[in-house]
């Protein structure tokens, strides 16, 4: 059972995630015409699916293996012919955005819909998008400090041969 400080961290993370989602959504918006310039209509993106974890999993062709079943989120491991992924549903938009913002620190590909996220390899996420709709977001893992590559270690305070 989570303690009160853990819940506060979840709420704070959700707020941060929500703000980033809004920015990403705005960045993805375009004023382009649906006309391809040759008088033909481009296909419009499929609207994102909605529903419970089980409904979304069924639509994606997965028998969900539920790992987390809490009031604020439900999470399941899924496997389809395209590969494995994690499907998560959220009680609130804010909780979803906070979760995404926290998760992006680890890198990866995210298929994002209304109060749900699917996380997996880029190929798996692309295949799921055809079934679930949504928006693909990607992130590179963040590294603390410089990874080296050309700098001198002369003043380094780490391990030294003795």
N, C-alpha and C. Protein backbone atom coordinates (compact mmCIF):
# COMPACT_ATOMS: atom_id res chain seq x y z
N UNK A 1 0.85 -1.19 0.00
CA UNK A 1 0.00 0.00 0.00
C UNK A 1 0.89 1.24 0.00
N UNK A 2 0.56 2.20 -0.80
CA UNK A 2 1.37 3.41 -0.94
C UNK A 2 1.14 4.35 0.23
N UNK A 3 2.18 5.07 0.58
CA UNK A 3 2.08 6.05 1.65
C UNK A 3 1.73 7.40 1.05
N UNK A 4 1.34 8.34 1.88
CA UNK A 4 0.91 9.66 1.42
C UNK A 4 1.97 10.37 0.58
N UNK A 5 3.28 10.37 0.97
CA UNK A 5 4.27 11.06 0.13
C UNK A 5 4.36 10.45 -1.28
N UNK A 6 4.17 9.12 -1.42
CA UNK A 6 4.22 8.51 -2.74
C UNK A 6 3.08 9.03 -3.60
N UNK A 7 1.88 9.21 -3.03
CA UNK A 7 0.73 9.72 -3.78
C UNK A 7 1.00 11.15 -4.23
N UNK A 8 1.63 11.93 -3.38
CA UNK A 8 1.94 13.32 -3.77
C UNK A 8 2.88 13.33 -4.96
N UNK A 9 3.89 12.43 -4.95
CA UNK A 9 4.82 12.35 -6.07
C UNK A 9 4.10 11.95 -7.35
N UNK A 10 3.14 11.02 -7.25
CA UNK A 10 2.37 10.60 -8.42
C UNK A 10 1.59 11.78 -8.97
N UNK A 11 0.95 12.55 -8.08
CA UNK A 11 0.17 13.71 -8.53
C UNK A 11 1.06 14.76 -9.18
N UNK A 12 2.21 15.03 -8.58
CA UNK A 12 3.13 16.02 -9.13
C UNK A 12 3.64 15.56 -10.49
N UNK A 13 3.96 14.28 -10.60
CA UNK A 13 4.43 13.73 -11.87
C UNK A 13 3.34 13.84 -12.92
N UNK A 14 2.11 13.60 -12.52
CA UNK A 14 1.00 13.67 -13.46
C UNK A 14 0.85 15.09 -14.00
N UNK A 15 1.00 16.10 -13.16
CA UNK A 15 0.86 17.48 -13.61
C UNK A 15 1.93 17.82 -14.63
N UNK A 16 3.14 17.39 -14.38
CA UNK A 16 4.24 17.63 -15.31
C UNK A 16 3.97 16.93 -16.62
N UNK A 17 3.49 15.70 -16.54
CA UNK A 17 3.20 14.92 -17.73
C UNK A 17 2.10 15.59 -18.56
N UNK A 18 1.09 16.11 -17.91
CA UNK A 18 -0.01 16.76 -18.61
C UNK A 18 0.47 17.98 -19.38
N UNK A 19 1.32 18.77 -18.77
CA UNK A 19 1.85 19.96 -19.44
C UNK A 19 2.65 19.57 -20.68
N UNK A 20 3.48 18.54 -20.56
CA UNK A 20 4.27 18.10 -21.70
C UNK A 20 3.38 17.55 -22.80
N UNK A 21 2.35 16.83 -22.44
CA UNK A 21 1.43 16.28 -23.44
C UNK A 21 0.78 17.40 -24.23
N UNK A 22 0.38 18.46 -23.54
CA UNK A 22 -0.24 19.59 -24.22
C UNK A 22 0.71 20.22 -25.22
N UNK A 23 1.96 20.37 -24.82
CA UNK A 23 2.97 20.96 -25.71
C UNK A 23 3.17 20.05 -26.91
N UNK A 24 3.30 18.74 -26.66
CA UNK A 24 3.51 17.80 -27.75
C UNK A 24 2.32 17.77 -28.70
N UNK A 25 1.12 17.83 -28.14
CA UNK A 25 -0.07 17.84 -28.99
C UNK A 25 -0.11 19.10 -29.85
N UNK A 26 0.21 20.24 -29.26
CA UNK A 26 0.22 21.48 -30.02
C UNK A 26 1.29 21.45 -31.10
N UNK A 27 2.44 20.89 -30.78
CA UNK A 27 3.52 20.80 -31.75
C UNK A 27 3.14 19.90 -32.91
N UNK A 28 2.32 18.89 -32.65
CA UNK A 28 1.90 17.98 -33.69
C UNK A 28 0.75 18.50 -34.53
N UNK A 29 0.10 19.55 -34.10
CA UNK A 29 -1.02 20.10 -34.86
C UNK A 29 -0.50 20.82 -36.09
N UNK A 30 -1.29 20.79 -37.13
CA UNK A 30 -0.86 21.41 -38.36
C UNK A 30 -2.04 22.10 -39.02
N UNK A 31 -1.76 23.16 -39.73
CA UNK A 31 -2.81 23.87 -40.46
C UNK A 31 -2.87 23.39 -41.90
N UNK A 32 -2.21 22.25 -42.21
CA UNK A 32 -2.19 21.73 -43.56
C UNK A 32 -3.58 21.33 -44.01
N UNK A 33 -3.79 21.49 -45.31
CA UNK A 33 -5.04 21.05 -45.90
C UNK A 33 -5.02 19.54 -46.03
N UNK A 34 -6.20 18.92 -46.04
CA UNK A 34 -6.29 17.48 -46.25
C UNK A 34 -6.09 17.14 -47.72
N UNK A 35 -5.99 18.16 -48.57
CA UNK A 35 -5.76 17.97 -50.00
C UNK A 35 -4.26 17.76 -50.21
N UNK A 36 -3.87 16.79 -51.03
CA UNK A 36 -2.46 16.50 -51.24
C UNK A 36 -1.80 17.43 -52.27
N UNK A 37 -2.52 18.44 -52.75
CA UNK A 37 -1.96 19.37 -53.73
C UNK A 37 -2.28 18.96 -55.15
N UNK A 38 -2.74 17.75 -55.34
CA UNK A 38 -3.10 17.27 -56.68
C UNK A 38 -4.61 17.04 -56.78
N UNK A 39 -5.34 17.60 -55.83
CA UNK A 39 -6.79 17.46 -55.85
C UNK A 39 -7.28 16.19 -55.17
N UNK A 40 -6.36 15.37 -54.65
CA UNK A 40 -6.77 14.14 -53.96
C UNK A 40 -6.71 14.37 -52.46
N UNK A 41 -7.58 13.74 -51.75
CA UNK A 41 -7.60 13.85 -50.29
C UNK A 41 -6.60 12.88 -49.68
N UNK A 42 -5.82 13.36 -48.73
CA UNK A 42 -4.93 12.48 -47.97
C UNK A 42 -5.77 11.75 -46.93
N UNK A 43 -5.38 10.55 -46.56
CA UNK A 43 -6.14 9.87 -45.51
C UNK A 43 -6.00 10.62 -44.20
N UNK A 44 -7.09 10.74 -43.48
CA UNK A 44 -7.03 11.41 -42.19
C UNK A 44 -6.66 10.39 -41.13
N UNK A 45 -5.93 10.82 -40.10
CA UNK A 45 -5.53 9.89 -39.05
C UNK A 45 -6.75 9.29 -38.36
N UNK A 46 -6.60 8.04 -37.99
CA UNK A 46 -7.66 7.33 -37.28
C UNK A 46 -7.78 7.92 -35.87
N UNK A 47 -9.00 8.22 -35.40
CA UNK A 47 -9.13 8.73 -34.04
C UNK A 47 -8.71 7.66 -33.03
N UNK A 48 -8.16 8.10 -31.93
CA UNK A 48 -7.69 7.17 -30.91
C UNK A 48 -8.85 6.41 -30.28
N UNK A 49 -8.62 5.14 -30.06
CA UNK A 49 -9.62 4.29 -29.40
C UNK A 49 -9.82 4.74 -27.96
N UNK A 50 -10.97 4.40 -27.41
CA UNK A 50 -11.24 4.65 -26.00
C UNK A 50 -11.79 3.37 -25.39
N UNK A 51 -11.76 3.30 -24.07
CA UNK A 51 -12.34 2.15 -23.40
C UNK A 51 -11.51 1.71 -22.22
N UNK A 52 -11.92 0.60 -21.66
CA UNK A 52 -11.21 0.02 -20.51
C UNK A 52 -9.94 -0.66 -21.00
N UNK A 53 -9.11 -1.07 -20.08
CA UNK A 53 -7.90 -1.80 -20.41
C UNK A 53 -8.25 -3.04 -21.23
N UNK A 54 -9.25 -3.77 -20.80
CA UNK A 54 -9.64 -4.99 -21.50
C UNK A 54 -10.18 -4.70 -22.91
N UNK A 55 -10.97 -3.64 -23.05
CA UNK A 55 -11.52 -3.28 -24.36
C UNK A 55 -10.41 -2.87 -25.32
N UNK A 56 -9.47 -2.07 -24.84
CA UNK A 56 -8.35 -1.64 -25.68
C UNK A 56 -7.48 -2.83 -26.06
N UNK A 57 -7.21 -3.71 -25.11
CA UNK A 57 -6.39 -4.89 -25.38
C UNK A 57 -7.05 -5.77 -26.43
N UNK A 58 -8.36 -5.95 -26.32
CA UNK A 58 -9.08 -6.77 -27.29
C UNK A 58 -8.97 -6.16 -28.69
N UNK A 59 -9.14 -4.86 -28.77
CA UNK A 59 -9.04 -4.16 -30.05
C UNK A 59 -7.63 -4.29 -30.64
N UNK A 60 -6.62 -4.38 -29.77
CA UNK A 60 -5.23 -4.52 -30.21
C UNK A 60 -4.86 -5.97 -30.49
N UNK A 61 -5.76 -6.90 -30.17
CA UNK A 61 -5.47 -8.31 -30.40
C UNK A 61 -4.65 -8.96 -29.31
N UNK A 62 -4.84 -8.50 -28.09
CA UNK A 62 -4.05 -8.98 -26.96
C UNK A 62 -4.94 -9.54 -25.86
N UNK A 63 -4.48 -10.60 -25.20
CA UNK A 63 -5.10 -11.10 -23.99
C UNK A 63 -4.27 -10.52 -22.85
N UNK A 64 -4.73 -9.44 -22.18
CA UNK A 64 -3.88 -8.72 -21.24
C UNK A 64 -3.54 -9.51 -19.98
N UNK A 65 -2.27 -9.44 -19.59
CA UNK A 65 -1.79 -10.01 -18.35
C UNK A 65 -1.66 -8.85 -17.37
N UNK A 66 -2.72 -8.59 -16.59
CA UNK A 66 -2.78 -7.42 -15.72
C UNK A 66 -1.73 -7.53 -14.62
N UNK A 67 -0.89 -6.49 -14.51
CA UNK A 67 0.17 -6.42 -13.51
C UNK A 67 -0.15 -5.43 -12.40
N UNK A 68 -0.86 -4.35 -12.74
CA UNK A 68 -1.22 -3.33 -11.77
C UNK A 68 -2.70 -3.03 -11.93
N UNK A 69 -3.43 -3.07 -10.83
CA UNK A 69 -4.87 -2.79 -10.85
C UNK A 69 -5.17 -1.85 -9.69
N UNK A 70 -4.91 -0.55 -9.91
CA UNK A 70 -5.09 0.45 -8.87
C UNK A 70 -6.13 1.47 -9.33
N UNK A 71 -6.60 2.29 -8.43
CA UNK A 71 -7.61 3.29 -8.75
C UNK A 71 -7.11 4.28 -9.80
N UNK A 72 -5.84 4.68 -9.71
CA UNK A 72 -5.33 5.72 -10.61
C UNK A 72 -4.82 5.18 -11.95
N UNK A 73 -4.44 3.88 -12.00
CA UNK A 73 -4.00 3.31 -13.26
C UNK A 73 -4.10 1.80 -13.24
N UNK A 74 -4.25 1.24 -14.44
CA UNK A 74 -4.24 -0.22 -14.62
C UNK A 74 -3.22 -0.50 -15.70
N UNK A 75 -2.42 -1.55 -15.50
CA UNK A 75 -1.34 -1.82 -16.43
C UNK A 75 -1.27 -3.32 -16.71
N UNK A 76 -1.06 -3.66 -17.98
CA UNK A 76 -0.98 -5.06 -18.37
C UNK A 76 0.14 -5.27 -19.37
N UNK A 77 0.74 -6.46 -19.32
CA UNK A 77 1.69 -6.87 -20.33
C UNK A 77 0.89 -7.52 -21.45
N UNK A 78 1.26 -7.21 -22.69
CA UNK A 78 0.57 -7.76 -23.84
C UNK A 78 1.58 -8.32 -24.83
N UNK A 79 1.11 -9.27 -25.61
CA UNK A 79 1.95 -9.85 -26.66
C UNK A 79 1.06 -10.12 -27.86
N UNK A 80 1.51 -9.65 -29.02
CA UNK A 80 0.81 -9.91 -30.27
C UNK A 80 1.84 -10.46 -31.25
N UNK A 81 1.41 -10.73 -32.45
CA UNK A 81 2.34 -11.24 -33.46
C UNK A 81 3.45 -10.23 -33.77
N UNK A 82 3.19 -8.94 -33.52
CA UNK A 82 4.21 -7.90 -33.76
C UNK A 82 5.25 -7.83 -32.65
N UNK A 83 4.90 -8.28 -31.46
CA UNK A 83 5.83 -8.23 -30.34
C UNK A 83 5.14 -7.92 -29.02
N UNK A 84 5.96 -7.65 -28.02
CA UNK A 84 5.46 -7.37 -26.67
C UNK A 84 5.37 -5.87 -26.43
N UNK A 85 4.41 -5.51 -25.56
CA UNK A 85 4.26 -4.12 -25.16
C UNK A 85 3.52 -4.06 -23.84
N UNK A 86 3.53 -2.88 -23.23
CA UNK A 86 2.80 -2.65 -21.99
C UNK A 86 1.67 -1.68 -22.31
N UNK A 87 0.47 -2.03 -21.88
CA UNK A 87 -0.70 -1.19 -22.09
C UNK A 87 -1.15 -0.67 -20.73
N UNK A 88 -1.30 0.63 -20.61
CA UNK A 88 -1.67 1.26 -19.35
C UNK A 88 -2.86 2.19 -19.57
N UNK A 89 -3.85 2.09 -18.69
CA UNK A 89 -4.97 3.02 -18.72
C UNK A 89 -4.93 3.85 -17.45
N UNK A 90 -5.48 5.06 -17.53
CA UNK A 90 -5.40 6.02 -16.43
C UNK A 90 -6.79 6.53 -16.06
N UNK A 91 -6.96 6.85 -14.79
CA UNK A 91 -8.22 7.40 -14.30
C UNK A 91 -8.40 8.84 -14.76
N UNK A 92 -7.29 9.57 -14.95
CA UNK A 92 -7.37 10.99 -15.32
C UNK A 92 -6.36 11.31 -16.41
N UNK A 93 -6.63 12.36 -17.17
CA UNK A 93 -5.68 12.86 -18.18
C UNK A 93 -4.40 13.32 -17.49
N UNK A 94 -4.57 13.98 -16.38
CA UNK A 94 -3.41 14.50 -15.65
C UNK A 94 -2.50 13.37 -15.18
N UNK A 95 -3.09 12.31 -14.64
CA UNK A 95 -2.30 11.17 -14.21
C UNK A 95 -1.55 10.54 -15.37
N UNK A 96 -2.21 10.47 -16.53
CA UNK A 96 -1.56 9.93 -17.71
C UNK A 96 -0.36 10.76 -18.10
N UNK A 97 -0.51 12.07 -18.17
CA UNK A 97 0.59 12.93 -18.61
C UNK A 97 1.75 12.89 -17.63
N UNK A 98 1.46 12.86 -16.34
CA UNK A 98 2.55 12.76 -15.35
C UNK A 98 3.30 11.45 -15.53
N UNK A 99 2.58 10.37 -15.75
CA UNK A 99 3.20 9.07 -15.94
C UNK A 99 4.10 9.08 -17.18
N UNK A 100 3.59 9.63 -18.28
CA UNK A 100 4.38 9.68 -19.51
C UNK A 100 5.65 10.50 -19.30
N UNK A 101 5.53 11.64 -18.66
CA UNK A 101 6.70 12.48 -18.43
C UNK A 101 7.76 11.74 -17.62
N UNK A 102 7.34 11.02 -16.61
CA UNK A 102 8.28 10.25 -15.80
C UNK A 102 8.89 9.12 -16.62
N UNK A 103 8.06 8.41 -17.38
CA UNK A 103 8.53 7.27 -18.15
C UNK A 103 9.50 7.68 -19.25
N UNK A 104 9.32 8.85 -19.82
CA UNK A 104 10.18 9.29 -20.92
C UNK A 104 11.63 9.46 -20.50
N UNK A 105 11.88 9.57 -19.21
CA UNK A 105 13.27 9.62 -18.74
C UNK A 105 14.02 8.34 -19.09
N UNK A 106 13.29 7.28 -19.36
CA UNK A 106 13.90 6.00 -19.68
C UNK A 106 13.95 5.73 -21.18
N UNK A 107 13.46 6.68 -21.98
CA UNK A 107 13.46 6.52 -23.42
C UNK A 107 12.29 5.66 -23.87
N UNK A 108 12.23 5.36 -25.15
CA UNK A 108 11.23 4.45 -25.68
C UNK A 108 10.25 5.11 -26.62
N UNK A 109 9.32 4.27 -27.09
CA UNK A 109 8.25 4.70 -27.98
C UNK A 109 6.92 4.52 -27.28
N UNK A 110 6.07 5.53 -27.38
CA UNK A 110 4.79 5.56 -26.68
C UNK A 110 3.68 5.86 -27.66
N UNK A 111 2.66 5.01 -27.66
CA UNK A 111 1.45 5.28 -28.42
C UNK A 111 0.45 5.83 -27.42
N UNK A 112 0.01 7.06 -27.63
CA UNK A 112 -0.79 7.77 -26.64
C UNK A 112 -2.20 8.03 -27.16
N UNK A 113 -3.18 7.63 -26.37
CA UNK A 113 -4.57 7.90 -26.65
C UNK A 113 -5.19 8.58 -25.45
N UNK A 114 -6.49 8.74 -25.46
CA UNK A 114 -7.18 9.40 -24.34
C UNK A 114 -7.19 8.48 -23.14
N UNK A 115 -6.41 8.80 -22.15
CA UNK A 115 -6.28 8.09 -20.88
C UNK A 115 -5.72 6.68 -21.04
N UNK A 116 -4.89 6.47 -22.06
CA UNK A 116 -4.17 5.21 -22.21
C UNK A 116 -2.85 5.44 -22.93
N UNK A 117 -1.91 4.51 -22.69
CA UNK A 117 -0.60 4.54 -23.33
C UNK A 117 -0.18 3.10 -23.60
N UNK A 118 0.40 2.86 -24.76
CA UNK A 118 1.03 1.58 -25.07
C UNK A 118 2.51 1.85 -25.26
N UNK A 119 3.37 1.08 -24.60
CA UNK A 119 4.82 1.29 -24.65
C UNK A 119 5.47 0.03 -25.21
N UNK A 120 6.29 0.22 -26.22
CA UNK A 120 6.99 -0.92 -26.81
C UNK A 120 8.02 -0.47 -27.81
N UNK A 121 8.59 -1.43 -28.52
CA UNK A 121 9.54 -1.11 -29.57
C UNK A 121 8.84 -0.31 -30.66
N UNK A 122 9.58 0.50 -31.40
CA UNK A 122 8.96 1.34 -32.42
C UNK A 122 8.10 0.57 -33.42
N UNK A 123 8.54 -0.62 -33.84
CA UNK A 123 7.76 -1.41 -34.80
C UNK A 123 6.43 -1.86 -34.20
N UNK A 124 6.46 -2.24 -32.94
CA UNK A 124 5.25 -2.69 -32.26
C UNK A 124 4.29 -1.52 -32.10
N UNK A 125 4.80 -0.38 -31.68
CA UNK A 125 3.97 0.82 -31.50
C UNK A 125 3.34 1.23 -32.83
N UNK A 126 4.10 1.15 -33.92
CA UNK A 126 3.57 1.51 -35.24
C UNK A 126 2.42 0.57 -35.63
N UNK A 127 2.58 -0.72 -35.38
CA UNK A 127 1.53 -1.69 -35.70
C UNK A 127 0.29 -1.43 -34.85
N UNK A 128 0.49 -1.14 -33.57
CA UNK A 128 -0.64 -0.87 -32.68
C UNK A 128 -1.40 0.38 -33.10
N UNK A 129 -0.68 1.36 -33.62
CA UNK A 129 -1.33 2.60 -34.04
C UNK A 129 -2.38 2.33 -35.12
N UNK A 130 -2.12 1.34 -35.97
CA UNK A 130 -3.09 0.97 -36.99
C UNK A 130 -4.39 0.43 -36.40
N UNK A 131 -4.31 -0.18 -35.22
CA UNK A 131 -5.49 -0.76 -34.57
C UNK A 131 -6.14 0.18 -33.57
N UNK A 132 -5.31 0.97 -32.88
CA UNK A 132 -5.82 1.80 -31.79
C UNK A 132 -5.87 3.29 -32.10
N UNK A 133 -5.23 3.71 -33.19
CA UNK A 133 -5.13 5.15 -33.44
C UNK A 133 -4.15 5.73 -32.43
N UNK A 134 -4.29 7.00 -32.15
CA UNK A 134 -3.41 7.64 -31.18
C UNK A 134 -2.24 8.36 -31.81
N UNK A 135 -1.40 8.89 -30.96
CA UNK A 135 -0.24 9.67 -31.36
C UNK A 135 1.02 9.00 -30.85
N UNK A 136 2.03 8.90 -31.70
CA UNK A 136 3.30 8.30 -31.29
C UNK A 136 4.20 9.37 -30.71
N UNK A 137 4.74 9.11 -29.54
CA UNK A 137 5.72 9.98 -28.90
C UNK A 137 6.95 9.13 -28.64
N UNK A 138 8.12 9.70 -28.85
CA UNK A 138 9.36 8.98 -28.59
C UNK A 138 10.24 9.82 -27.66
N UNK A 139 11.10 9.13 -26.97
CA UNK A 139 12.02 9.82 -26.05
C UNK A 139 13.33 9.07 -26.01
N UNK A 140 14.40 9.81 -25.86
CA UNK A 140 15.72 9.23 -25.67
C UNK A 140 16.01 9.22 -24.19
N UNK A 141 16.70 8.19 -23.71
CA UNK A 141 17.03 8.18 -22.29
C UNK A 141 17.94 9.36 -21.95
N UNK A 142 17.71 9.92 -20.78
CA UNK A 142 18.54 11.04 -20.31
C UNK A 142 19.74 10.47 -19.58
N UNK A 143 20.87 11.11 -19.78
CA UNK A 143 22.09 10.68 -19.09
C UNK A 143 22.54 11.80 -18.18
N UNK A 144 23.04 11.43 -17.03
CA UNK A 144 23.57 12.46 -16.13
C UNK A 144 25.06 12.59 -16.38
N UNK A 145 25.46 13.78 -16.71
CA UNK A 145 26.88 14.04 -16.91
C UNK A 145 27.32 13.68 -18.31
N UNK A 146 28.60 13.88 -18.56
CA UNK A 146 29.20 13.62 -19.86
C UNK A 146 29.61 12.16 -19.91
N UNK A 147 29.42 11.54 -21.06
CA UNK A 147 29.76 10.14 -21.19
C UNK A 147 31.21 9.96 -21.63
N UNK A 148 31.95 11.02 -21.66
CA UNK A 148 33.37 10.91 -22.01
C UNK A 148 33.58 11.19 -23.47
N UNK A 149 34.65 10.63 -23.99
CA UNK A 149 34.90 10.77 -25.42
C UNK A 149 35.75 11.98 -25.73
N UNK A 150 36.99 11.99 -25.32
CA UNK A 150 37.90 13.05 -25.73
C UNK A 150 38.37 13.93 -24.60
N UNK A 151 37.70 13.91 -23.48
CA UNK A 151 38.13 14.74 -22.36
C UNK A 151 39.26 14.10 -21.58
N UNK A 152 40.01 14.90 -20.87
CA UNK A 152 41.11 14.40 -20.06
C UNK A 152 40.59 13.95 -18.71
N UNK A 153 41.17 12.91 -18.19
CA UNK A 153 40.81 12.39 -16.88
C UNK A 153 41.81 12.83 -15.81
N UNK A 154 42.75 13.74 -16.15
CA UNK A 154 43.82 14.12 -15.22
C UNK A 154 43.33 14.58 -13.87
N UNK A 155 42.29 15.37 -13.81
CA UNK A 155 41.83 15.89 -12.54
C UNK A 155 40.67 15.09 -11.95
N UNK A 156 40.40 13.95 -12.50
CA UNK A 156 39.26 13.13 -12.08
C UNK A 156 39.50 12.59 -10.68
N UNK A 157 38.46 12.63 -9.85
CA UNK A 157 38.60 12.19 -8.46
C UNK A 157 38.15 10.75 -8.25
N UNK A 158 37.93 10.01 -9.34
CA UNK A 158 37.48 8.62 -9.24
C UNK A 158 38.61 7.69 -8.90
N UNK A 159 38.52 6.49 -9.43
CA UNK A 159 39.52 5.47 -9.14
C UNK A 159 40.82 5.75 -9.87
N UNK A 160 41.93 5.59 -9.16
CA UNK A 160 43.24 5.79 -9.74
C UNK A 160 44.08 4.56 -9.47
N UNK A 161 44.91 4.17 -10.42
CA UNK A 161 45.77 3.01 -10.17
C UNK A 161 46.73 3.31 -9.02
N UNK A 162 46.95 2.36 -8.22
CA UNK A 162 47.79 2.61 -7.06
C UNK A 162 48.99 1.90 -7.10
